Amino acid sequence: MDSTLFETLGRELAPEQVTARLREAITSGVLRPGERINQAELAQRFGVSRMPVREALRRLHAEGLVTLLPYRSAIVSGLSVRELREIYEMRMALEVLALRIGCEEGDGLPLDDMEDILRRMDEGPDSDAWLALNTAFHDLLYTTADRPLLLENIGMLRNKSDRFLRLFAAKRDRTAHAQQEHWEILRALKRFDVDAACRLLQAHLESTITSLSETLGSGEASASEMEAHAREKSVAAGRAAADREE
């Protein structure tokens, strides 16, 4: 875990900071599905006690990003294709709603900023830069929707699913197709055709989950095996430690 995400933190607001850093490490792919999280190592790297690390893991468990195991161990949660599809079904409903509310009740979307982002995406950045720009574009779609709880739930669902977009972004043909869909959404918004923009956004998310399902289909078993193996190792290590104490 050699990353600036794990630089030493101060003790002020440590649980919140640790949670934010770990969440970013998971959603950015630094920590991968099935990877074991060592509480003692993290506490040392962050320069905090184990208590804020445990609290952070409890919060991330509630968000579905971490699976807590026996003997105070944890691993990064994986997702089956079925679970990912369910997340995208919820995202479609909530994000289309947020876009419609923002268009009909807001002061106007920042269309020029959205166009600037898409032009930068057209320049063919690397996958990390493309993903960051993709997130920024989608954020702007909902920026005028004055519904804090709605946006909070969209953010939670995106945290669970967007880490898998790295597999999507690795394929240029897929990002090119997604980019065409982005431009279509923007053109509909510029025409003030809210119904069309909402339909296009839903179709865009449907296209993304179809592509992700195809990509993850062959790797679903291995991801599940990784998580099961990590769980078995944690239980075995805990039992060995208990035996030594006896």
C-alpha atoms as a PDB file:
ATOM      1  CA  MET A   1       0.000   0.000   0.000  1.00  0.00           C
ATOM      2  CA  ASP A   2       2.697   2.476  -1.050  1.00  0.00           C
ATOM      3  CA  SER A   3       0.582   5.514  -1.763  1.00  0.00           C
ATOM      4  CA  THR A   4       0.165   9.118  -0.679  1.00  0.00           C
ATOM      5  CA  LEU A   5      -3.326   8.005   0.369  1.00  0.00           C
ATOM      6  CA  PHE A   6      -1.636   6.456   3.394  1.00  0.00           C
ATOM      7  CA  GLU A   7       0.475   9.394   4.541  1.00  0.00           C
ATOM      8  CA  THR A   8       0.543  10.140   8.266  1.00  0.00           C
ATOM      9  CA  LEU A   9      -2.463  12.086   9.543  1.00  0.00           C
ATOM     10  CA  GLY A  10      -2.827  14.296  12.553  1.00  0.00           C
ATOM     11  CA  ARG A  11      -4.985  13.088  15.404  1.00  0.00           C
ATOM     12  CA  GLU A  12      -7.622  15.786  14.969  1.00  0.00           C
ATOM     13  CA  LEU A  13     -10.711  14.317  13.252  1.00  0.00           C
ATOM     14  CA  ALA A  14      -8.774  11.098  12.746  1.00  0.00           C
ATOM     15  CA  PRO A  15     -11.785   8.765  12.268  1.00  0.00           C
ATOM     16  CA  GLU A  16     -13.239  11.009   9.560  1.00  0.00           C
ATOM     17  CA  GLN A  17      -9.874  11.429   7.844  1.00  0.00           C
ATOM     18  CA  VAL A  18      -9.083   7.721   7.981  1.00  0.00           C
ATOM     19  CA  THR A  19     -12.526   6.906   6.567  1.00  0.00           C
ATOM     20  CA  ALA A  20     -12.065   9.382   3.721  1.00  0.00           C
ATOM     21  CA  ARG A  21      -8.574   8.093   2.870  1.00  0.00           C
ATOM     22  CA  LEU A  22      -9.635   4.446   2.922  1.00  0.00           C
ATOM     23  CA  ARG A  23     -12.749   5.192   0.879  1.00  0.00           C
ATOM     24  CA  GLU A  24     -10.599   6.940  -1.727  1.00  0.00           C
ATOM     25  CA  ALA A  25      -8.119   4.047  -1.759  1.00  0.00           C
ATOM     26  CA  ILE A  26     -10.950   1.582  -2.428  1.00  0.00           C
ATOM     27  CA  THR A  27     -12.833   3.629  -5.017  1.00  0.00           C
ATOM     28  CA  SER A  28      -9.611   4.509  -6.868  1.00  0.00           C
ATOM     29  CA  GLY A  29      -8.483   0.885  -7.030  1.00  0.00           C
ATOM     30  CA  VAL A  30      -5.427   1.222  -4.775  1.00  0.00           C
ATOM     31  CA  LEU A  31      -7.107  -1.349  -2.526  1.00  0.00           C
ATOM     32  CA  ARG A  32      -8.689  -4.053  -4.679  1.00  0.00           C
ATOM     33  CA  PRO A  33     -11.640  -6.407  -4.051  1.00  0.00           C
ATOM     34  CA  GLY A  34     -10.577  -9.279  -1.821  1.00  0.00           C
ATOM     35  CA  GLU A  35      -7.507  -7.453  -0.483  1.00  0.00           C
ATOM     36  CA  ARG A  36      -6.987  -7.839   3.244  1.00  0.00           C
ATOM     37  CA  ILE A  37      -6.813  -4.675   5.367  1.00  0.00           C
ATOM     38  CA  ASN A  38      -4.285  -4.800   8.198  1.00  0.00           C
ATOM     39  CA  GLN A  39      -5.506  -2.569  11.023  1.00  0.00           C
ATOM     40  CA  ALA A  40      -2.142  -2.403  12.791  1.00  0.00           C
ATOM     41  CA  GLU A  41      -0.291  -1.468   9.598  1.00  0.00           C
ATOM     42  CA  LEU A  42      -2.831   1.234   8.710  1.00  0.00           C
ATOM     43  CA  ALA A  43      -2.748   2.692  12.204  1.00  0.00           C
ATOM     44  CA  GLN A  44       1.037   2.917  11.992  1.00  0.00           C
ATOM     45  CA  ARG A  45       0.984   4.503   8.541  1.00  0.00           C
ATOM     46  CA  PHE A  46      -1.654   7.045   9.542  1.00  0.00           C
ATOM     47  CA  GLY A  47       0.047   7.802  12.851  1.00  0.00           C
ATOM     48  CA  VAL A  48      -3.085   7.054  14.878  1.00  0.00           C
ATOM     49  CA  SER A  49      -4.224   4.389  17.298  1.00  0.00           C
ATOM     50  CA  ARG A  50      -6.208   1.386  16.080  1.00  0.00           C
ATOM     51  CA  MET A  51      -9.477   2.806  17.397  1.00  0.00           C
ATOM     52  CA  PRO A  52     -10.048   5.349  14.577  1.00  0.00           C
ATOM     53  CA  VAL A  53      -9.068   2.676  12.051  1.00  0.00           C
ATOM     54  CA  ARG A  54     -11.677   0.306  13.498  1.00  0.00           C
ATOM     55  CA  GLU A  55     -14.273   3.087  13.409  1.00  0.00           C
ATOM     56  CA  ALA A  56     -13.413   3.844   9.782  1.00  0.00           C
ATOM     57  CA  LEU A  57     -13.798   0.178   8.857  1.00  0.00           C
ATOM     58  CA  ARG A  58     -17.203   0.040  10.580  1.00  0.00           C
ATOM     59  CA  ARG A  59     -18.352   3.047   8.547  1.00  0.00           C
ATOM     60  CA  LEU A  60     -17.055   1.598   5.295  1.00  0.00           C
ATOM     61  CA  HIS A  61     -18.733  -1.709   6.143  1.00  0.00           C
ATOM     62  CA  ALA A  62     -22.038   0.172   6.446  1.00  0.00           C
ATOM     63  CA  GLU A  63     -21.362   1.654   2.983  1.00  0.00           C
ATOM     64  CA  GLY A  64     -20.746  -1.807   1.546  1.00  0.00           C
ATOM     65  CA  LEU A  65     -17.097  -1.128   0.691  1.00  0.00           C
ATOM     66  CA  VAL A  66     -15.539  -3.343   3.371  1.00  0.00           C
ATOM     67  CA  THR A  67     -16.393  -6.792   4.726  1.00  0.00           C
ATOM     68  CA  LEU A  68     -15.637  -7.274   8.417  1.00  0.00           C
ATOM     69  CA  LEU A  69     -14.195 -10.676   9.321  1.00  0.00           C
ATOM     70  CA  PRO A  70     -13.629 -12.520  12.616  1.00  0.00           C
ATOM     71  CA  TYR A  71     -10.660 -11.609  14.802  1.00  0.00           C
ATOM     72  CA  ARG A  72     -10.844  -7.899  13.916  1.00  0.00           C
ATOM     73  CA  SER A  73      -9.836  -8.415  10.317  1.00  0.00           C
ATOM     74  CA  ALA A  74     -11.373  -6.923   7.191  1.00  0.00           C
ATOM     75  CA  ILE A  75     -11.172  -7.159   3.399  1.00  0.00           C
ATOM     76  CA  VAL A  76     -12.249  -4.932   0.546  1.00  0.00           C
ATOM     77  CA  SER A  77     -15.695  -6.066  -0.560  1.00  0.00           C
ATOM     78  CA  GLY A  78     -16.228  -7.446  -4.021  1.00  0.00           C
ATOM     79  CA  LEU A  79     -19.356  -7.238  -6.131  1.00  0.00           C
ATOM     80  CA  SER A  80     -21.012  -9.910  -8.207  1.00  0.00           C
ATOM     81  CA  VAL A  81     -22.418  -8.995 -11.603  1.00  0.00           C
ATOM     82  CA  ARG A  82     -25.906  -9.323 -10.141  1.00  0.00           C
ATOM     83  CA  GLU A  83     -25.115  -6.879  -7.309  1.00  0.00           C
ATOM     84  CA  LEU A  84     -23.527  -4.422  -9.721  1.00  0.00           C
ATOM     85  CA  ARG A  85     -26.606  -4.569 -11.938  1.00  0.00           C
ATOM     86  CA  GLU A  86     -28.835  -3.848  -8.941  1.00  0.00           C
ATOM     87  CA  ILE A  87     -26.703  -0.826  -8.045  1.00  0.00           C
ATOM     88  CA  TYR A  88     -26.973   0.502 -11.591  1.00  0.00           C
ATOM     89  CA  GLU A  89     -30.739  -0.008 -11.588  1.00  0.00           C
ATOM     90  CA  MET A  90     -30.930   2.232  -8.505  1.00  0.00           C
ATOM     91  CA  ARG A  91     -28.483   4.704 -10.027  1.00  0.00           C
ATOM     92  CA  MET A  92     -30.608   4.999 -13.164  1.00  0.00           C
ATOM     93  CA  ALA A  93     -33.698   5.851 -11.151  1.00  0.00           C
ATOM     94  CA  LEU A  94     -31.970   8.339  -8.842  1.00  0.00           C
ATOM     95  CA  GLU A  95     -29.667  10.032 -11.348  1.00  0.00           C
ATOM     96  CA  VAL A  96     -32.398  10.548 -13.926  1.00  0.00           C
ATOM     97  CA  LEU A  97     -34.552  12.026 -11.152  1.00  0.00           C
ATOM     98  CA  ALA A  98     -31.719  14.337 -10.052  1.00  0.00           C
ATOM     99  CA  LEU A  99     -31.127  15.522 -13.629  1.00  0.00           C
ATOM    100  CA  ARG A 100     -34.831  16.255 -14.137  1.00  0.00           C
ATOM    101  CA  ILE A 101     -35.117  18.145 -10.849  1.00  0.00           C
ATOM    102  CA  GLY A 102     -31.995  20.160 -11.617  1.00  0.00           C
ATOM    103  CA  CYS A 103     -33.285  21.081 -15.073  1.00  0.00           C
ATOM    104  CA  GLU A 104     -36.815  21.955 -14.003  1.00  0.00           C
ATOM    105  CA  GLU A 105     -36.160  23.612 -10.627  1.00  0.00           C
ATOM    106  CA  GLY A 106     -32.546  24.763 -10.764  1.00  0.00           C
ATOM    107  CA  ASP A 107     -30.977  27.975 -12.062  1.00  0.00           C
ATOM    108  CA  GLY A 108     -29.513  26.298 -15.119  1.00  0.00           C
ATOM    109  CA  LEU A 109     -26.823  23.700 -15.607  1.00  0.00           C
ATOM    110  CA  PRO A 110     -23.203  24.814 -16.259  1.00  0.00           C
ATOM    111  CA  LEU A 111     -23.312  23.736 -19.895  1.00  0.00           C
ATOM    112  CA  ASP A 112     -20.100  25.543 -20.846  1.00  0.00           C
ATOM    113  CA  ASP A 113     -18.192  23.764 -18.083  1.00  0.00           C
ATOM    114  CA  MET A 114     -19.651  20.445 -19.196  1.00  0.00           C
ATOM    115  CA  GLU A 115     -18.576  21.091 -22.780  1.00  0.00           C
ATOM    116  CA  ASP A 116     -15.060  21.982 -21.616  1.00  0.00           C
ATOM    117  CA  ILE A 117     -14.823  18.666 -19.752  1.00  0.00           C
ATOM    118  CA  LEU A 118     -15.981  16.691 -22.791  1.00  0.00           C
ATOM    119  CA  ARG A 119     -13.452  18.436 -25.037  1.00  0.00           C
ATOM    120  CA  ARG A 120     -10.694  17.482 -22.612  1.00  0.00           C
ATOM    121  CA  MET A 121     -11.956  13.888 -22.664  1.00  0.00           C
ATOM    122  CA  ASP A 122     -11.827  13.965 -26.471  1.00  0.00           C
ATOM    123  CA  GLU A 123      -8.075  14.609 -26.253  1.00  0.00           C
ATOM    124  CA  GLY A 124      -7.562  10.991 -25.203  1.00  0.00           C
ATOM    125  CA  PRO A 125      -6.222  11.258 -21.653  1.00  0.00           C
ATOM    126  CA  ASP A 126      -4.973   8.193 -19.792  1.00  0.00           C
ATOM    127  CA  SER A 127      -7.524   6.066 -17.953  1.00  0.00           C
ATOM    128  CA  ASP A 128      -7.048   7.793 -14.579  1.00  0.00           C
ATOM    129  CA  ALA A 129      -7.558  11.249 -16.093  1.00  0.00           C
ATOM    130  CA  TRP A 130     -10.526  10.001 -18.153  1.00  0.00           C
ATOM    131  CA  LEU A 131     -12.195   8.602 -15.030  1.00  0.00           C
ATOM    132  CA  ALA A 132     -11.681  11.857 -13.134  1.00  0.00           C
ATOM    133  CA  LEU A 133     -13.191  13.851 -15.996  1.00  0.00           C
ATOM    134  CA  ASN A 134     -16.062  11.368 -16.301  1.00  0.00           C
ATOM    135  CA  THR A 135     -16.844  11.851 -12.601  1.00  0.00           C
ATOM    136  CA  ALA A 136     -16.691  15.635 -13.004  1.00  0.00           C
ATOM    137  CA  PHE A 137     -19.103  15.533 -15.954  1.00  0.00           C
ATOM    138  CA  HIS A 138     -21.635  13.422 -14.087  1.00  0.00           C
ATOM    139  CA  ASP A 139     -21.307  15.631 -11.001  1.00  0.00           C
ATOM    140  CA  LEU A 140     -22.253  18.669 -13.097  1.00  0.00           C
ATOM    141  CA  LEU A 141     -25.367  16.901 -14.396  1.00  0.00           C
ATOM    142  CA  TYR A 142     -26.833  16.975 -10.888  1.00  0.00           C
ATOM    143  CA  THR A 143     -25.209  20.095  -9.469  1.00  0.00           C
ATOM    144  CA  THR A 144     -28.397  22.190  -9.552  1.00  0.00           C
ATOM    145  CA  ALA A 145     -30.640  19.538  -7.964  1.00  0.00           C
ATOM    146  CA  ASP A 146     -31.374  20.922  -4.504  1.00  0.00           C
ATOM    147  CA  ARG A 147     -31.947  17.515  -2.915  1.00  0.00           C
ATOM    148  CA  PRO A 148     -29.135  16.757  -0.434  1.00  0.00           C
ATOM    149  CA  LEU A 149     -30.430  13.296   0.526  1.00  0.00           C
ATOM    150  CA  LEU A 150     -30.902  12.303  -3.100  1.00  0.00           C
ATOM    151  CA  LEU A 151     -27.365  13.406  -3.985  1.00  0.00           C
ATOM    152  CA  GLU A 152     -25.967  11.665  -0.904  1.00  0.00           C
ATOM    153  CA  ASN A 153     -27.511   8.369  -2.000  1.00  0.00           C
ATOM    154  CA  ILE A 154     -26.251   8.817  -5.562  1.00  0.00           C
ATOM    155  CA  GLY A 155     -22.768   9.405  -4.170  1.00  0.00           C
ATOM    156  CA  MET A 156     -22.936   6.264  -2.029  1.00  0.00           C
ATOM    157  CA  LEU A 157     -24.010   4.113  -4.990  1.00  0.00           C
ATOM    158  CA  ARG A 158     -21.311   5.603  -7.197  1.00  0.00           C
ATOM    159  CA  ASN A 159     -18.676   4.872  -4.543  1.00  0.00           C
ATOM    160  CA  LYS A 160     -19.724   1.227  -4.637  1.00  0.00           C
ATOM    161  CA  SER A 161     -19.683   0.899  -8.403  1.00  0.00           C
ATOM    162  CA  ASP A 162     -17.290   3.439  -9.913  1.00  0.00           C
ATOM    163  CA  ARG A 163     -14.181   1.535  -8.799  1.00  0.00           C
ATOM    164  CA  PHE A 164     -15.118  -1.083 -11.403  1.00  0.00           C
ATOM    165  CA  LEU A 165     -15.074   1.555 -14.138  1.00  0.00           C
ATOM    166  CA  ARG A 166     -11.291   1.129 -14.278  1.00  0.00           C
ATOM    167  CA  LEU A 167     -11.925  -2.099 -16.146  1.00  0.00           C
ATOM    168  CA  PHE A 168     -14.222  -0.165 -18.478  1.00  0.00           C
ATOM    169  CA  ALA A 169     -11.798   2.727 -19.008  1.00  0.00           C
ATOM    170  CA  ALA A 170      -8.981   0.382 -20.012  1.00  0.00           C
ATOM    171  CA  LYS A 171     -10.750  -0.229 -23.338  1.00  0.00           C
ATOM    172  CA  ARG A 172     -10.570   2.701 -25.770  1.00  0.00           C
ATOM    173  CA  ASP A 173     -13.531   1.520 -27.827  1.00  0.00           C
ATOM    174  CA  ARG A 174     -15.729   1.574 -24.727  1.00  0.00           C
ATOM    175  CA  THR A 175     -14.655   5.035 -23.612  1.00  0.00           C
ATOM    176  CA  ALA A 176     -15.179   6.322 -27.160  1.00  0.00           C
ATOM    177  CA  HIS A 177     -18.747   4.986 -27.155  1.00  0.00           C
ATOM    178  CA  ALA A 178     -19.405   6.453 -23.704  1.00  0.00           C
ATOM    179  CA  GLN A 179     -18.049   9.782 -24.916  1.00  0.00           C
ATOM    180  CA  GLN A 180     -20.506   9.819 -27.821  1.00  0.00           C
ATOM    181  CA  GLU A 181     -23.298   9.285 -25.289  1.00  0.00           C
ATOM    182  CA  HIS A 182     -21.974  12.156 -23.150  1.00  0.00           C
ATOM    183  CA  TRP A 183     -22.104  14.523 -26.125  1.00  0.00           C
ATOM    184  CA  GLU A 184     -25.645  13.407 -26.957  1.00  0.00           C
ATOM    185  CA  ILE A 185     -26.759  14.190 -23.402  1.00  0.00           C
ATOM    186  CA  LEU A 186     -25.135  17.629 -23.588  1.00  0.00           C
ATOM    187  CA  ARG A 187     -26.718  18.414 -26.968  1.00  0.00           C
ATOM    188  CA  ALA A 188     -30.156  17.523 -25.578  1.00  0.00           C
ATOM    189  CA  LEU A 189     -29.570  19.812 -22.590  1.00  0.00           C
ATOM    190  CA  LYS A 190     -28.529  22.649 -24.889  1.00  0.00           C
ATOM    191  CA  ARG A 191     -31.818  22.198 -26.778  1.00  0.00           C
ATOM    192  CA  PHE A 192     -33.621  22.371 -23.413  1.00  0.00           C
ATOM    193  CA  ASP A 193     -35.054  18.930 -24.192  1.00  0.00           C
ATOM    194  CA  VAL A 194     -35.170  17.567 -20.663  1.00  0.00           C
ATOM    195  CA  ASP A 195     -37.091  14.402 -21.591  1.00  0.00           C
ATOM    196  CA  ALA A 196     -34.505  13.480 -24.212  1.00  0.00           C
ATOM    197  CA  ALA A 197     -31.611  14.207 -21.842  1.00  0.00           C
ATOM    198  CA  CYS A 198     -33.141  11.949 -19.197  1.00  0.00           C
ATOM    199  CA  ARG A 199     -33.712   9.145 -21.710  1.00  0.00           C
ATOM    200  CA  LEU A 200     -30.143   9.466 -22.957  1.00  0.00           C
ATOM    201  CA  LEU A 201     -28.734   9.417 -19.430  1.00  0.00           C
ATOM    202  CA  GLN A 202     -30.653   6.237 -18.621  1.00  0.00           C
ATOM    203  CA  ALA A 203     -29.492   4.631 -21.859  1.00  0.00           C
ATOM    204  CA  HIS A 204     -25.905   5.676 -21.071  1.00  0.00           C
ATOM    205  CA  LEU A 205     -26.005   3.986 -17.659  1.00  0.00           C
ATOM    206  CA  GLU A 206     -27.645   0.897 -19.175  1.00  0.00           C
ATOM    207  CA  SER A 207     -24.883   0.723 -21.774  1.00  0.00           C
ATOM    208  CA  THR A 208     -22.216   1.032 -19.078  1.00  0.00           C
ATOM    209  CA  ILE A 209     -23.578  -1.785 -16.918  1.00  0.00           C
ATOM    210  CA  THR A 210     -23.951  -4.027 -19.979  1.00  0.00           C
ATOM    211  CA  SER A 211     -20.297  -3.482 -20.824  1.00  0.00           C
ATOM    212  CA  LEU A 212     -19.192  -3.928 -17.215  1.00  0.00           C
ATOM    213  CA  SER A 213     -21.202  -7.139 -16.918  1.00  0.00           C
ATOM    214  CA  GLU A 214     -19.436  -8.559 -19.953  1.00  0.00           C
ATOM    215  CA  THR A 215     -16.053  -7.586 -18.504  1.00  0.00           C
ATOM    216  CA  LEU A 216     -16.726  -8.898 -15.014  1.00  0.00           C
ATOM    217  CA  GLY A 217     -18.490 -12.055 -16.142  1.00  0.00           C
ATOM    218  CA  SER A 218     -15.273 -13.997 -16.631  1.00  0.00           C
ATOM    219  CA  GLY A 219     -13.723 -12.617 -13.449  1.00  0.00           C
ATOM    220  CA  GLU A 220     -16.667 -12.957 -11.107  1.00  0.00           C
ATOM    221  CA  ALA A 221     -15.662 -16.408  -9.817  1.00  0.00           C
ATOM    222  CA  SER A 222     -12.065 -15.385  -9.163  1.00  0.00           C
ATOM    223  CA  ALA A 223     -13.167 -12.295  -7.258  1.00  0.00           C
ATOM    224  CA  SER A 224     -15.469 -14.394  -5.097  1.00  0.00           C
ATOM    225  CA  GLU A 225     -12.703 -16.912  -4.548  1.00  0.00           C
ATOM    226  CA  MET A 226     -10.327 -14.128  -3.467  1.00  0.00           C
ATOM    227  CA  GLU A 227     -12.804 -12.918  -0.877  1.00  0.00           C
ATOM    228  CA  ALA A 228     -13.506 -16.443   0.385  1.00  0.00           C
ATOM    229  CA  HIS A 229      -9.785 -17.218   0.568  1.00  0.00           C
ATOM    230  CA  ALA A 230      -9.120 -14.028   2.525  1.00  0.00           C
ATOM    231  CA  ARG A 231     -11.927 -14.919   4.920  1.00  0.00           C
ATOM    232  CA  GLU A 232     -10.482 -18.404   5.481  1.00  0.00           C
ATOM    233  CA  LYS A 233      -6.996 -16.990   6.079  1.00  0.00           C
ATOM    234  CA  SER A 234      -8.342 -14.509   8.612  1.00  0.00           C
ATOM    235  CA  VAL A 235     -10.188 -17.202  10.553  1.00  0.00           C
ATOM    236  CA  ALA A 236      -7.140 -19.475  10.498  1.00  0.00           C
ATOM    237  CA  ALA A 237      -4.836 -16.696  11.677  1.00  0.00           C
ATOM    238  CA  GLY A 238      -7.236 -15.784  14.482  1.00  0.00           C
ATOM    239  CA  ARG A 239      -7.487 -19.365  15.661  1.00  0.00           C
ATOM    240  CA  ALA A 240      -3.697 -19.710  15.618  1.00  0.00           C
ATOM    241  CA  ALA A 241      -3.344 -16.570  17.703  1.00  0.00           C
ATOM    242  CA  ALA A 242      -5.938 -17.838  20.170  1.00  0.00           C
ATOM    243  CA  ASP A 243      -4.108 -21.168  20.431  1.00  0.00           C
ATOM    244  CA  ARG A 244      -0.833 -19.407  21.175  1.00  0.00           C
ATOM    245  CA  GLU A 245      -2.450 -17.418  23.975  1.00  0.00           C
ATOM    246  CA  GLU A 246      -3.624 -20.669  25.548  1.00  0.00           C
END
